[in-house]
Amino acid sequence: MLSNLRIKQFLERTASGAPVPGGGSIAALSAAVSASLSEMVANLTIGRKGYEAIENEMKEIAKDAFKYRGKLVHDIDRDSDAFNDVVSAYKLPKSTEENRSNRDRAIQQGLKNAVSVPLSVAKDALRLMELAARVVENGNKNAVTDGAVAAMMARTSVLSALYNVKINLLSITDKAFVKDVAKQIKHMEKHTQEREKEILSAINL
């Protein structure tokens, strides 16, 4: 599993000529890093003098970030698996009409799955921006820049995951599906960029 590789091994695998891990897995990794940083800031706030009033909020953030981190680490492999499924579908036989029909169905289903994984990552990363916003606003001020990086990593995850959605949409023939996802993309991209600016503007350095 990609998620079980050491950091150096993962980077070497990414840099190699192999198609996976690619941008989708990196988007999931970016979101997992964001979750880790928000969790860290929350944990650095819990039990600290002067932050008693928001301790329960920080415990909630740490708990939520922990859950997202686990889910997104799993998504590193899910994205690569989805890509491999599409490749396998393209390799199916096409010598007869029935073969071609089965192959086309498998390709389209694979492409939809290859859209659903990064789309899910983007949605989770957008939620992580809100956790980052909360630790930036209320968390330990000595770790405010860590919260800022959490927000930026979440932003990067959203936008990069959506690029992976877009490229797969180009080959999907289900027009209603494409239209619905494209609408979601437009909304998420706009909201992500605006939200990042709002979060970072609260940091005075």
N, C-alpha and C. Protein backbone atom coordinates (compact mmCIF):
# COMPACT_ATOMS: atom_id res chain seq x y z
N MET A 1 0.83 -1.19 0.00
CA MET A 1 0.00 0.00 0.00
C MET A 1 0.87 1.25 0.00
N LEU A 2 0.48 2.22 -0.78
CA LEU A 2 1.25 3.47 -0.86
C LEU A 2 1.33 4.17 0.48
N SER A 3 0.23 4.14 1.22
CA SER A 3 0.18 4.86 2.49
C SER A 3 1.10 4.27 3.55
N ASN A 4 1.58 3.04 3.32
CA ASN A 4 2.49 2.42 4.28
C ASN A 4 3.96 2.66 3.96
N LEU A 5 4.22 3.33 2.84
CA LEU A 5 5.60 3.61 2.46
C LEU A 5 6.21 4.69 3.37
N ARG A 6 7.52 4.62 3.56
CA ARG A 6 8.21 5.71 4.25
C ARG A 6 8.19 6.95 3.35
N ILE A 7 8.41 8.10 3.95
CA ILE A 7 8.31 9.35 3.19
C ILE A 7 9.24 9.33 1.98
N LYS A 8 10.48 8.93 2.17
CA LYS A 8 11.43 8.91 1.05
C LYS A 8 10.99 7.93 -0.03
N GLN A 9 10.48 6.79 0.39
CA GLN A 9 10.01 5.79 -0.58
C GLN A 9 8.82 6.31 -1.37
N PHE A 10 7.92 6.97 -0.67
CA PHE A 10 6.74 7.52 -1.34
C PHE A 10 7.14 8.56 -2.38
N LEU A 11 8.06 9.43 -2.01
CA LEU A 11 8.51 10.47 -2.93
C LEU A 11 9.25 9.87 -4.12
N GLU A 12 10.04 8.85 -3.86
CA GLU A 12 10.74 8.18 -4.96
C GLU A 12 9.76 7.52 -5.91
N ARG A 13 8.73 6.89 -5.34
CA ARG A 13 7.70 6.25 -6.19
C ARG A 13 6.96 7.30 -7.01
N THR A 14 6.66 8.43 -6.38
CA THR A 14 5.98 9.51 -7.08
C THR A 14 6.84 10.04 -8.23
N ALA A 15 8.13 10.16 -7.98
CA ALA A 15 9.05 10.73 -8.98
C ALA A 15 9.39 9.77 -10.11
N SER A 16 9.10 8.51 -9.93
CA SER A 16 9.45 7.50 -10.93
C SER A 16 8.57 7.63 -12.17
N GLY A 17 8.81 6.77 -13.14
CA GLY A 17 8.01 6.80 -14.36
C GLY A 17 6.65 6.13 -14.21
N ALA A 18 6.38 5.58 -13.04
CA ALA A 18 5.09 4.93 -12.80
C ALA A 18 3.99 5.99 -12.71
N PRO A 19 2.78 5.67 -13.23
CA PRO A 19 1.70 6.67 -13.21
C PRO A 19 1.07 6.90 -11.84
N VAL A 20 1.30 5.98 -10.91
CA VAL A 20 0.78 6.17 -9.55
C VAL A 20 1.91 5.97 -8.55
N PRO A 21 1.90 6.74 -7.45
CA PRO A 21 0.90 7.76 -7.09
C PRO A 21 1.03 9.01 -7.96
N GLY A 22 -0.11 9.60 -8.26
CA GLY A 22 -0.13 10.81 -9.06
C GLY A 22 -0.77 11.96 -8.30
N GLY A 23 -1.29 12.90 -9.05
CA GLY A 23 -1.84 14.11 -8.45
C GLY A 23 -2.99 13.86 -7.49
N GLY A 24 -3.80 12.86 -7.78
CA GLY A 24 -4.93 12.56 -6.90
C GLY A 24 -4.49 12.08 -5.54
N SER A 25 -3.50 11.19 -5.52
CA SER A 25 -2.97 10.69 -4.25
C SER A 25 -2.27 11.81 -3.48
N ILE A 26 -1.58 12.68 -4.20
CA ILE A 26 -0.91 13.80 -3.55
C ILE A 26 -1.94 14.77 -2.96
N ALA A 27 -3.06 14.94 -3.65
CA ALA A 27 -4.13 15.79 -3.11
C ALA A 27 -4.64 15.23 -1.79
N ALA A 28 -4.82 13.91 -1.74
CA ALA A 28 -5.27 13.26 -0.50
C ALA A 28 -4.22 13.42 0.59
N LEU A 29 -2.96 13.27 0.23
CA LEU A 29 -1.87 13.45 1.20
C LEU A 29 -1.86 14.88 1.74
N SER A 30 -2.06 15.85 0.86
CA SER A 30 -2.08 17.26 1.28
C SER A 30 -3.19 17.51 2.30
N ALA A 31 -4.34 16.90 2.06
CA ALA A 31 -5.46 17.06 2.99
C ALA A 31 -5.16 16.39 4.32
N ALA A 32 -4.51 15.22 4.27
CA ALA A 32 -4.15 14.52 5.50
C ALA A 32 -3.15 15.35 6.32
N VAL A 33 -2.23 16.01 5.63
CA VAL A 33 -1.28 16.90 6.31
C VAL A 33 -2.02 18.07 6.96
N SER A 34 -2.98 18.61 6.26
CA SER A 34 -3.79 19.70 6.82
C SER A 34 -4.49 19.24 8.09
N ALA A 35 -5.08 18.06 8.04
CA ALA A 35 -5.77 17.52 9.22
C ALA A 35 -4.80 17.37 10.38
N SER A 36 -3.60 16.87 10.08
CA SER A 36 -2.60 16.67 11.12
C SER A 36 -2.21 17.98 11.80
N LEU A 37 -2.05 19.01 11.00
CA LEU A 37 -1.65 20.30 11.56
C LEU A 37 -2.75 20.93 12.42
N SER A 38 -3.99 20.84 11.97
CA SER A 38 -5.09 21.37 12.79
C SER A 38 -5.21 20.58 14.09
N GLU A 39 -5.02 19.26 13.97
CA GLU A 39 -5.06 18.42 15.17
C GLU A 39 -3.94 18.81 16.13
N MET A 40 -2.77 19.10 15.59
CA MET A 40 -1.62 19.49 16.40
C MET A 40 -1.89 20.80 17.15
N VAL A 41 -2.41 21.80 16.43
CA VAL A 41 -2.68 23.09 17.07
C VAL A 41 -3.73 22.93 18.16
N ALA A 42 -4.75 22.12 17.89
CA ALA A 42 -5.77 21.88 18.90
C ALA A 42 -5.15 21.23 20.13
N ASN A 43 -4.29 20.23 19.92
CA ASN A 43 -3.65 19.55 21.05
C ASN A 43 -2.69 20.46 21.81
N LEU A 44 -2.10 21.42 21.12
CA LEU A 44 -1.21 22.38 21.77
C LEU A 44 -2.00 23.43 22.56
N THR A 45 -3.30 23.46 22.34
CA THR A 45 -4.17 24.42 23.03
C THR A 45 -4.83 23.80 24.25
N ILE A 46 -5.15 22.52 24.13
CA ILE A 46 -5.83 21.80 25.22
C ILE A 46 -4.94 21.75 26.47
N GLY A 47 -5.51 22.18 27.60
CA GLY A 47 -4.77 22.13 28.86
C GLY A 47 -3.85 23.30 29.10
N ARG A 48 -3.82 24.25 28.16
CA ARG A 48 -2.93 25.40 28.32
C ARG A 48 -3.64 26.55 29.04
N LYS A 49 -2.88 27.22 29.89
CA LYS A 49 -3.41 28.34 30.64
C LYS A 49 -3.88 29.45 29.70
N GLY A 50 -5.06 29.98 29.98
CA GLY A 50 -5.61 31.05 29.17
C GLY A 50 -6.54 30.58 28.07
N TYR A 51 -6.58 29.26 27.87
CA TYR A 51 -7.44 28.71 26.81
C TYR A 51 -8.52 27.77 27.38
N GLU A 52 -8.79 27.91 28.67
CA GLU A 52 -9.76 27.02 29.31
C GLU A 52 -11.15 27.13 28.67
N ALA A 53 -11.53 28.32 28.27
CA ALA A 53 -12.89 28.55 27.75
C ALA A 53 -13.15 27.82 26.44
N ILE A 54 -12.11 27.53 25.68
CA ILE A 54 -12.31 26.89 24.38
C ILE A 54 -11.72 25.47 24.36
N GLU A 55 -11.46 24.91 25.53
CA GLU A 55 -10.86 23.58 25.59
C GLU A 55 -11.76 22.52 24.95
N ASN A 56 -13.05 22.58 25.22
CA ASN A 56 -13.96 21.58 24.64
C ASN A 56 -14.01 21.70 23.12
N GLU A 57 -13.98 22.94 22.63
CA GLU A 57 -13.95 23.15 21.18
C GLU A 57 -12.69 22.53 20.57
N MET A 58 -11.56 22.72 21.22
CA MET A 58 -10.30 22.18 20.71
C MET A 58 -10.29 20.66 20.75
N LYS A 59 -10.90 20.08 21.77
CA LYS A 59 -11.00 18.62 21.85
C LYS A 59 -11.84 18.09 20.69
N GLU A 60 -12.90 18.81 20.38
CA GLU A 60 -13.77 18.43 19.26
C GLU A 60 -13.02 18.52 17.93
N ILE A 61 -12.25 19.59 17.76
CA ILE A 61 -11.46 19.76 16.54
C ILE A 61 -10.43 18.65 16.41
N ALA A 62 -9.74 18.35 17.49
CA ALA A 62 -8.72 17.29 17.47
C ALA A 62 -9.34 15.95 17.09
N LYS A 63 -10.52 15.69 17.63
CA LYS A 63 -11.22 14.44 17.32
C LYS A 63 -11.63 14.37 15.85
N ASP A 64 -12.19 15.46 15.35
CA ASP A 64 -12.62 15.50 13.94
C ASP A 64 -11.42 15.40 13.00
N ALA A 65 -10.36 16.12 13.31
CA ALA A 65 -9.17 16.10 12.46
C ALA A 65 -8.56 14.70 12.42
N PHE A 66 -8.56 14.02 13.55
CA PHE A 66 -8.05 12.65 13.62
C PHE A 66 -8.82 11.73 12.67
N LYS A 67 -10.13 11.87 12.67
CA LYS A 67 -10.97 11.04 11.79
C LYS A 67 -10.69 11.34 10.32
N TYR A 68 -10.61 12.61 9.98
CA TYR A 68 -10.32 12.98 8.59
C TYR A 68 -8.95 12.48 8.17
N ARG A 69 -7.98 12.57 9.08
CA ARG A 69 -6.62 12.12 8.75
C ARG A 69 -6.62 10.66 8.35
N GLY A 70 -7.29 9.83 9.12
CA GLY A 70 -7.36 8.40 8.81
C GLY A 70 -8.05 8.13 7.48
N LYS A 71 -9.14 8.83 7.23
CA LYS A 71 -9.90 8.65 5.99
C LYS A 71 -9.06 9.07 4.77
N LEU A 72 -8.36 10.17 4.91
CA LEU A 72 -7.60 10.70 3.77
C LEU A 72 -6.35 9.89 3.48
N VAL A 73 -5.75 9.31 4.50
CA VAL A 73 -4.62 8.40 4.26
C VAL A 73 -5.10 7.21 3.43
N HIS A 74 -6.28 6.72 3.74
CA HIS A 74 -6.88 5.64 2.95
C HIS A 74 -7.13 6.09 1.52
N ASP A 75 -7.50 7.35 1.34
CA ASP A 75 -7.79 7.88 0.00
C ASP A 75 -6.55 7.96 -0.88
N ILE A 76 -5.37 8.01 -0.27
CA ILE A 76 -4.14 7.97 -1.07
C ILE A 76 -4.12 6.71 -1.93
N ASP A 77 -4.48 5.59 -1.32
CA ASP A 77 -4.52 4.33 -2.04
C ASP A 77 -5.77 4.20 -2.91
N ARG A 78 -6.89 4.71 -2.42
CA ARG A 78 -8.13 4.63 -3.20
C ARG A 78 -7.99 5.33 -4.55
N ASP A 79 -7.31 6.48 -4.55
CA ASP A 79 -7.16 7.21 -5.81
C ASP A 79 -6.30 6.41 -6.79
N SER A 80 -5.21 5.85 -6.32
CA SER A 80 -4.36 5.05 -7.19
C SER A 80 -5.09 3.81 -7.69
N ASP A 81 -5.88 3.19 -6.81
CA ASP A 81 -6.66 2.01 -7.21
C ASP A 81 -7.67 2.37 -8.29
N ALA A 82 -8.29 3.54 -8.15
CA ALA A 82 -9.28 3.97 -9.14
C ALA A 82 -8.63 4.17 -10.50
N PHE A 83 -7.44 4.75 -10.51
CA PHE A 83 -6.71 4.93 -11.77
C PHE A 83 -6.38 3.57 -12.39
N ASN A 84 -5.91 2.64 -11.58
CA ASN A 84 -5.55 1.32 -12.09
C ASN A 84 -6.77 0.59 -12.66
N ASP A 85 -7.93 0.81 -12.06
CA ASP A 85 -9.17 0.19 -12.57
C ASP A 85 -9.51 0.71 -13.96
N VAL A 86 -9.31 2.00 -14.17
CA VAL A 86 -9.57 2.58 -15.49
C VAL A 86 -8.61 1.99 -16.52
N VAL A 87 -7.34 1.90 -16.17
CA VAL A 87 -6.34 1.32 -17.07
C VAL A 87 -6.71 -0.11 -17.41
N SER A 88 -7.14 -0.87 -16.42
CA SER A 88 -7.54 -2.26 -16.65
C SER A 88 -8.75 -2.35 -17.58
N ALA A 89 -9.68 -1.42 -17.42
CA ALA A 89 -10.87 -1.41 -18.27
C ALA A 89 -10.50 -1.17 -19.73
N TYR A 90 -9.56 -0.28 -19.96
CA TYR A 90 -9.12 0.00 -21.33
C TYR A 90 -8.43 -1.20 -21.97
N LYS A 91 -7.94 -2.10 -21.16
CA LYS A 91 -7.23 -3.28 -21.67
C LYS A 91 -8.16 -4.46 -21.95
N LEU A 92 -9.44 -4.31 -21.63
CA LEU A 92 -10.40 -5.40 -21.87
C LEU A 92 -10.52 -5.67 -23.37
N PRO A 93 -10.85 -6.90 -23.73
CA PRO A 93 -10.96 -7.26 -25.16
C PRO A 93 -12.07 -6.49 -25.87
N LYS A 94 -11.87 -6.25 -27.16
CA LYS A 94 -12.86 -5.52 -27.95
C LYS A 94 -13.02 -6.14 -29.33
N SER A 95 -12.84 -7.43 -29.38
CA SER A 95 -12.89 -8.14 -30.67
C SER A 95 -14.31 -8.35 -31.18
N THR A 96 -15.30 -8.35 -30.28
CA THR A 96 -16.70 -8.54 -30.69
C THR A 96 -17.52 -7.35 -30.21
N GLU A 97 -18.73 -7.25 -30.70
CA GLU A 97 -19.63 -6.18 -30.29
C GLU A 97 -19.93 -6.27 -28.80
N GLU A 98 -20.13 -7.49 -28.31
CA GLU A 98 -20.40 -7.68 -26.89
C GLU A 98 -19.19 -7.28 -26.05
N ASN A 99 -18.00 -7.66 -26.51
CA ASN A 99 -16.77 -7.26 -25.83
C ASN A 99 -16.66 -5.75 -25.75
N ARG A 100 -16.92 -5.09 -26.86
CA ARG A 100 -16.79 -3.64 -26.91
C ARG A 100 -17.79 -2.96 -25.98
N SER A 101 -19.00 -3.51 -25.95
CA SER A 101 -20.03 -2.95 -25.08
C SER A 101 -19.64 -3.10 -23.61
N ASN A 102 -19.16 -4.28 -23.25
CA ASN A 102 -18.74 -4.52 -21.86
C ASN A 102 -17.55 -3.64 -21.50
N ARG A 103 -16.64 -3.49 -22.46
CA ARG A 103 -15.46 -2.66 -22.23
C ARG A 103 -15.85 -1.21 -22.02
N ASP A 104 -16.76 -0.70 -22.86
CA ASP A 104 -17.21 0.69 -22.73
C ASP A 104 -17.86 0.93 -21.37
N ARG A 105 -18.70 -0.02 -20.94
CA ARG A 105 -19.36 0.12 -19.64
C ARG A 105 -18.34 0.14 -18.51
N ALA A 106 -17.35 -0.74 -18.60
CA ALA A 106 -16.32 -0.81 -17.56
C ALA A 106 -15.50 0.48 -17.52
N ILE A 107 -15.21 1.01 -18.70
CA ILE A 107 -14.44 2.27 -18.76
C ILE A 107 -15.22 3.41 -18.13
N GLN A 108 -16.48 3.52 -18.49
CA GLN A 108 -17.30 4.61 -17.96
C GLN A 108 -17.49 4.50 -16.45
N GLN A 109 -17.70 3.27 -15.98
CA GLN A 109 -17.84 3.08 -14.53
C GLN A 109 -16.53 3.40 -13.82
N GLY A 110 -15.43 2.98 -14.43
CA GLY A 110 -14.12 3.27 -13.85
C GLY A 110 -13.85 4.76 -13.79
N LEU A 111 -14.22 5.47 -14.85
CA LEU A 111 -14.01 6.92 -14.88
C LEU A 111 -14.85 7.63 -13.83
N LYS A 112 -16.08 7.16 -13.64
CA LYS A 112 -16.93 7.78 -12.62
C LYS A 112 -16.34 7.56 -11.22
N ASN A 113 -15.78 6.39 -11.01
CA ASN A 113 -15.13 6.13 -9.72
C ASN A 113 -13.88 6.99 -9.57
N ALA A 114 -13.17 7.18 -10.68
CA ALA A 114 -11.97 8.02 -10.67
C ALA A 114 -12.32 9.48 -10.45
N VAL A 115 -13.58 9.85 -10.66
CA VAL A 115 -14.08 11.18 -10.34
C VAL A 115 -14.52 11.24 -8.88
N SER A 116 -15.19 10.20 -8.43
CA SER A 116 -15.78 10.23 -7.09
C SER A 116 -14.74 10.29 -5.98
N VAL A 117 -13.60 9.62 -6.19
CA VAL A 117 -12.58 9.61 -5.14
C VAL A 117 -11.99 11.01 -4.92
N PRO A 118 -11.43 11.67 -5.95
CA PRO A 118 -10.89 13.01 -5.71
C PRO A 118 -11.97 14.04 -5.36
N LEU A 119 -13.19 13.82 -5.82
CA LEU A 119 -14.27 14.74 -5.45
C LEU A 119 -14.54 14.64 -3.96
N SER A 120 -14.50 13.42 -3.44
CA SER A 120 -14.66 13.22 -2.00
C SER A 120 -13.52 13.85 -1.23
N VAL A 121 -12.30 13.71 -1.75
CA VAL A 121 -11.14 14.33 -1.11
C VAL A 121 -11.30 15.85 -1.07
N ALA A 122 -11.74 16.43 -2.18
CA ALA A 122 -11.93 17.88 -2.24
C ALA A 122 -12.96 18.34 -1.21
N LYS A 123 -14.04 17.60 -1.07
CA LYS A 123 -15.08 17.97 -0.10
C LYS A 123 -14.55 17.88 1.33
N ASP A 124 -13.79 16.83 1.61
CA ASP A 124 -13.20 16.70 2.94
C ASP A 124 -12.19 17.82 3.20
N ALA A 125 -11.39 18.14 2.20
CA ALA A 125 -10.40 19.20 2.36
C ALA A 125 -11.06 20.55 2.61
N LEU A 126 -12.21 20.76 1.98
CA LEU A 126 -12.95 22.00 2.20
C LEU A 126 -13.43 22.08 3.65
N ARG A 127 -13.84 20.96 4.19
CA ARG A 127 -14.24 20.92 5.60
C ARG A 127 -13.04 21.16 6.51
N LEU A 128 -11.88 20.66 6.07
CA LEU A 128 -10.67 20.86 6.86
C LEU A 128 -10.25 22.32 6.89
N MET A 129 -10.60 23.08 5.87
CA MET A 129 -10.32 24.51 5.89
C MET A 129 -11.04 25.17 7.06
N GLU A 130 -12.23 24.67 7.37
CA GLU A 130 -12.99 25.23 8.48
C GLU A 130 -12.35 24.88 9.82
N LEU A 131 -11.81 23.66 9.93
CA LEU A 131 -11.09 23.31 11.16
C LEU A 131 -9.86 24.20 11.31
N ALA A 132 -9.16 24.42 10.20
CA ALA A 132 -7.99 25.29 10.24
C ALA A 132 -8.38 26.71 10.64
N ALA A 133 -9.50 27.18 10.13
CA ALA A 133 -9.97 28.53 10.47
C ALA A 133 -10.21 28.66 11.97
N ARG A 134 -10.75 27.61 12.56
CA ARG A 134 -11.07 27.64 13.99
C ARG A 134 -9.81 27.63 14.86
N VAL A 135 -8.79 26.86 14.45
CA VAL A 135 -7.56 26.85 15.26
C VAL A 135 -6.78 28.13 15.06
N VAL A 136 -6.87 28.72 13.88
CA VAL A 136 -6.22 30.02 13.64
C VAL A 136 -6.86 31.09 14.52
N GLU A 137 -8.18 31.05 14.60
CA GLU A 137 -8.90 32.09 15.34
C GLU A 137 -8.81 31.91 16.85
N ASN A 138 -8.95 30.66 17.31
CA ASN A 138 -9.08 30.43 18.75
C ASN A 138 -7.95 29.63 19.38
N GLY A 139 -7.14 29.00 18.56
CA GLY A 139 -6.11 28.11 19.10
C GLY A 139 -4.92 28.83 19.68
N ASN A 140 -3.98 28.04 20.16
CA ASN A 140 -2.73 28.54 20.76
C ASN A 140 -2.04 29.50 19.79
N LYS A 141 -1.88 30.73 20.21
CA LYS A 141 -1.33 31.76 19.32
C LYS A 141 0.12 31.49 18.93
N ASN A 142 0.82 30.69 19.73
CA ASN A 142 2.19 30.34 19.39
C ASN A 142 2.25 29.37 18.21
N ALA A 143 1.09 28.79 17.86
CA ALA A 143 1.04 27.83 16.76
C ALA A 143 0.15 28.33 15.63
N VAL A 144 -0.08 29.64 15.59
CA VAL A 144 -1.00 30.19 14.58
C VAL A 144 -0.51 29.95 13.16
N THR A 145 0.81 29.96 12.96
CA THR A 145 1.32 29.74 11.60
C THR A 145 1.13 28.29 11.17
N ASP A 146 1.10 27.38 12.14
CA ASP A 146 0.81 25.98 11.81
C ASP A 146 -0.64 25.84 11.33
N GLY A 147 -1.52 26.63 11.97
CA GLY A 147 -2.91 26.65 11.51
C GLY A 147 -3.02 27.25 10.12
N ALA A 148 -2.19 28.27 9.84
CA ALA A 148 -2.19 28.88 8.52
C ALA A 148 -1.76 27.88 7.46
N VAL A 149 -0.72 27.10 7.76
CA VAL A 149 -0.26 26.08 6.81
C VAL A 149 -1.34 25.01 6.62
N ALA A 150 -2.05 24.70 7.70
CA ALA A 150 -3.16 23.74 7.58
C ALA A 150 -4.19 24.24 6.58
N ALA A 151 -4.50 25.52 6.65
CA ALA A 151 -5.47 26.11 5.72
C ALA A 151 -4.95 26.06 4.29
N MET A 152 -3.67 26.37 4.11
CA MET A 152 -3.09 26.39 2.77
C MET A 152 -2.98 24.99 2.17
N MET A 153 -2.66 24.02 3.01
CA MET A 153 -2.59 22.64 2.53
C MET A 153 -3.98 22.13 2.15
N ALA A 154 -4.98 22.54 2.91
CA ALA A 154 -6.36 22.16 2.58
C ALA A 154 -6.78 22.79 1.26
N ARG A 155 -6.43 24.08 1.08
CA ARG A 155 -6.72 24.77 -0.19
C ARG A 155 -6.08 24.04 -1.36
N THR A 156 -4.80 23.70 -1.20
CA THR A 156 -4.08 22.99 -2.25
C THR A 156 -4.74 21.66 -2.57
N SER A 157 -5.17 20.97 -1.53
CA SER A 157 -5.84 19.69 -1.72
C SER A 157 -7.13 19.84 -2.52
N VAL A 158 -7.94 20.81 -2.14
CA VAL A 158 -9.21 21.02 -2.86
C VAL A 158 -8.96 21.26 -4.35
N LEU A 159 -8.12 22.24 -4.64
CA LEU A 159 -7.92 22.64 -6.03
C LEU A 159 -7.23 21.56 -6.85
N SER A 160 -6.27 20.86 -6.26
CA SER A 160 -5.57 19.82 -7.00
C SER A 160 -6.45 18.59 -7.20
N ALA A 161 -7.25 18.25 -6.20
CA ALA A 161 -8.18 17.13 -6.35
C ALA A 161 -9.19 17.42 -7.46
N LEU A 162 -9.64 18.67 -7.51
CA LEU A 162 -10.63 19.04 -8.54
C LEU A 162 -10.04 19.01 -9.94
N TYR A 163 -8.75 19.25 -10.08
CA TYR A 163 -8.12 19.10 -11.39
C TYR A 163 -8.19 17.64 -11.84
N ASN A 164 -8.01 16.73 -10.91
CA ASN A 164 -8.11 15.31 -11.25
C ASN A 164 -9.54 14.92 -11.60
N VAL A 165 -10.50 15.58 -10.97
CA VAL A 165 -11.90 15.36 -11.35
C VAL A 165 -12.14 15.84 -12.77
N LYS A 166 -11.65 17.04 -13.06
CA LYS A 166 -11.89 17.64 -14.38
C LYS A 166 -11.37 16.79 -15.53
N ILE A 167 -10.16 16.26 -15.37
CA ILE A 167 -9.56 15.53 -16.48
C ILE A 167 -10.31 14.24 -16.76
N ASN A 168 -10.88 13.63 -15.72
CA ASN A 168 -11.67 12.42 -15.92
C ASN A 168 -13.05 12.72 -16.49
N LEU A 169 -13.58 13.88 -16.15
CA LEU A 169 -14.89 14.27 -16.70
C LEU A 169 -14.87 14.36 -18.22
N LEU A 170 -13.70 14.70 -18.78
CA LEU A 170 -13.59 14.87 -20.23
C LEU A 170 -13.95 13.61 -21.01
N SER A 171 -13.78 12.45 -20.38
CA SER A 171 -14.02 11.18 -21.08
C SER A 171 -15.33 10.51 -20.69
N ILE A 172 -16.11 11.16 -19.83
CA ILE A 172 -17.38 10.57 -19.38
C ILE A 172 -18.51 11.01 -20.30
N THR A 173 -19.30 10.04 -20.74
CA THR A 173 -20.36 10.32 -21.71
C THR A 173 -21.71 10.64 -21.07
N ASP A 174 -21.84 10.41 -19.78
CA ASP A 174 -23.09 10.69 -19.06
C ASP A 174 -23.17 12.21 -18.84
N LYS A 175 -23.93 12.89 -19.69
CA LYS A 175 -23.97 14.35 -19.66
C LYS A 175 -24.55 14.90 -18.36
N ALA A 176 -25.56 14.23 -17.82
CA ALA A 176 -26.15 14.70 -16.58
C ALA A 176 -25.15 14.62 -15.43
N PHE A 177 -24.40 13.54 -15.41
CA PHE A 177 -23.37 13.36 -14.38
C PHE A 177 -22.30 14.45 -14.50
N VAL A 178 -21.85 14.69 -15.72
CA VAL A 178 -20.81 15.69 -15.97
C VAL A 178 -21.30 17.07 -15.57
N LYS A 179 -22.53 17.39 -15.91
CA LYS A 179 -23.09 18.70 -15.60
C LYS A 179 -23.18 18.92 -14.09
N ASP A 180 -23.63 17.91 -13.37
CA ASP A 180 -23.76 18.01 -11.92
C ASP A 180 -22.40 18.21 -11.26
N VAL A 181 -21.42 17.42 -11.66
CA VAL A 181 -20.09 17.51 -11.05
C VAL A 181 -19.43 18.85 -11.41
N ALA A 182 -19.59 19.28 -12.65
CA ALA A 182 -18.99 20.56 -13.08
C ALA A 182 -19.54 21.71 -12.24
N LYS A 183 -20.82 21.65 -11.92
CA LYS A 183 -21.44 22.69 -11.09
C LYS A 183 -20.82 22.68 -9.70
N GLN A 184 -20.60 21.49 -9.15
CA GLN A 184 -19.98 21.38 -7.83
C GLN A 184 -18.56 21.94 -7.86
N ILE A 185 -17.83 21.64 -8.92
CA ILE A 185 -16.45 22.11 -9.05
C ILE A 185 -16.39 23.63 -9.02
N LYS A 186 -17.24 24.26 -9.79
CA LYS A 186 -17.24 25.72 -9.89
C LYS A 186 -17.49 26.36 -8.53
N HIS A 187 -18.45 25.83 -7.81
CA HIS A 187 -18.78 26.36 -6.49
C HIS A 187 -17.62 26.16 -5.52
N MET A 188 -17.04 24.96 -5.52
CA MET A 188 -15.98 24.64 -4.57
C MET A 188 -14.71 25.45 -4.83
N GLU A 189 -14.37 25.62 -6.09
CA GLU A 189 -13.18 26.41 -6.41
C GLU A 189 -13.32 27.85 -5.92
N LYS A 190 -14.45 28.44 -6.18
CA LYS A 190 -14.69 29.83 -5.77
C LYS A 190 -14.66 29.97 -4.25
N HIS A 191 -15.36 29.06 -3.58
CA HIS A 191 -15.45 29.13 -2.12
C HIS A 191 -14.08 28.90 -1.48
N THR A 192 -13.30 27.97 -2.02
CA THR A 192 -11.99 27.65 -1.46
C THR A 192 -11.06 28.84 -1.52
N GLN A 193 -11.00 29.49 -2.65
CA GLN A 193 -10.09 30.62 -2.81
C GLN A 193 -10.50 31.79 -1.92
N GLU A 194 -11.79 32.02 -1.83
CA GLU A 194 -12.28 33.11 -0.98
C GLU A 194 -12.03 32.80 0.50
N ARG A 195 -12.27 31.55 0.88
CA ARG A 195 -12.12 31.17 2.29
C ARG A 195 -10.67 31.24 2.74
N GLU A 196 -9.76 30.85 1.87
CA GLU A 196 -8.35 30.92 2.24
C GLU A 196 -7.94 32.36 2.54
N LYS A 197 -8.37 33.28 1.70
CA LYS A 197 -8.04 34.69 1.91
C LYS A 197 -8.58 35.18 3.25
N GLU A 198 -9.81 34.77 3.58
CA GLU A 198 -10.41 35.19 4.84
C GLU A 198 -9.62 34.66 6.04
N ILE A 199 -9.22 33.40 5.95
CA ILE A 199 -8.49 32.79 7.07
C ILE A 199 -7.13 33.45 7.27
N LEU A 200 -6.39 33.62 6.17
CA LEU A 200 -5.04 34.18 6.28
C LEU A 200 -5.05 35.65 6.65
N SER A 201 -6.12 36.35 6.30
CA SER A 201 -6.20 37.79 6.63
C SER A 201 -6.32 38.03 8.12
N ALA A 202 -6.69 36.97 8.85
CA ALA A 202 -6.85 37.09 10.31
C ALA A 202 -5.52 36.96 11.04
N ILE A 203 -4.46 36.64 10.30
CA ILE A 203 -3.14 36.46 10.89
C ILE A 203 -2.30 37.71 10.70
N ASN A 204 -1.90 38.32 11.77
CA ASN A 204 -1.13 39.56 11.70
C ASN A 204 0.33 39.28 12.07
N LEU A 205 1.14 39.13 11.05
CA LEU A 205 2.57 38.87 11.26
C LEU A 205 3.39 39.84 10.43
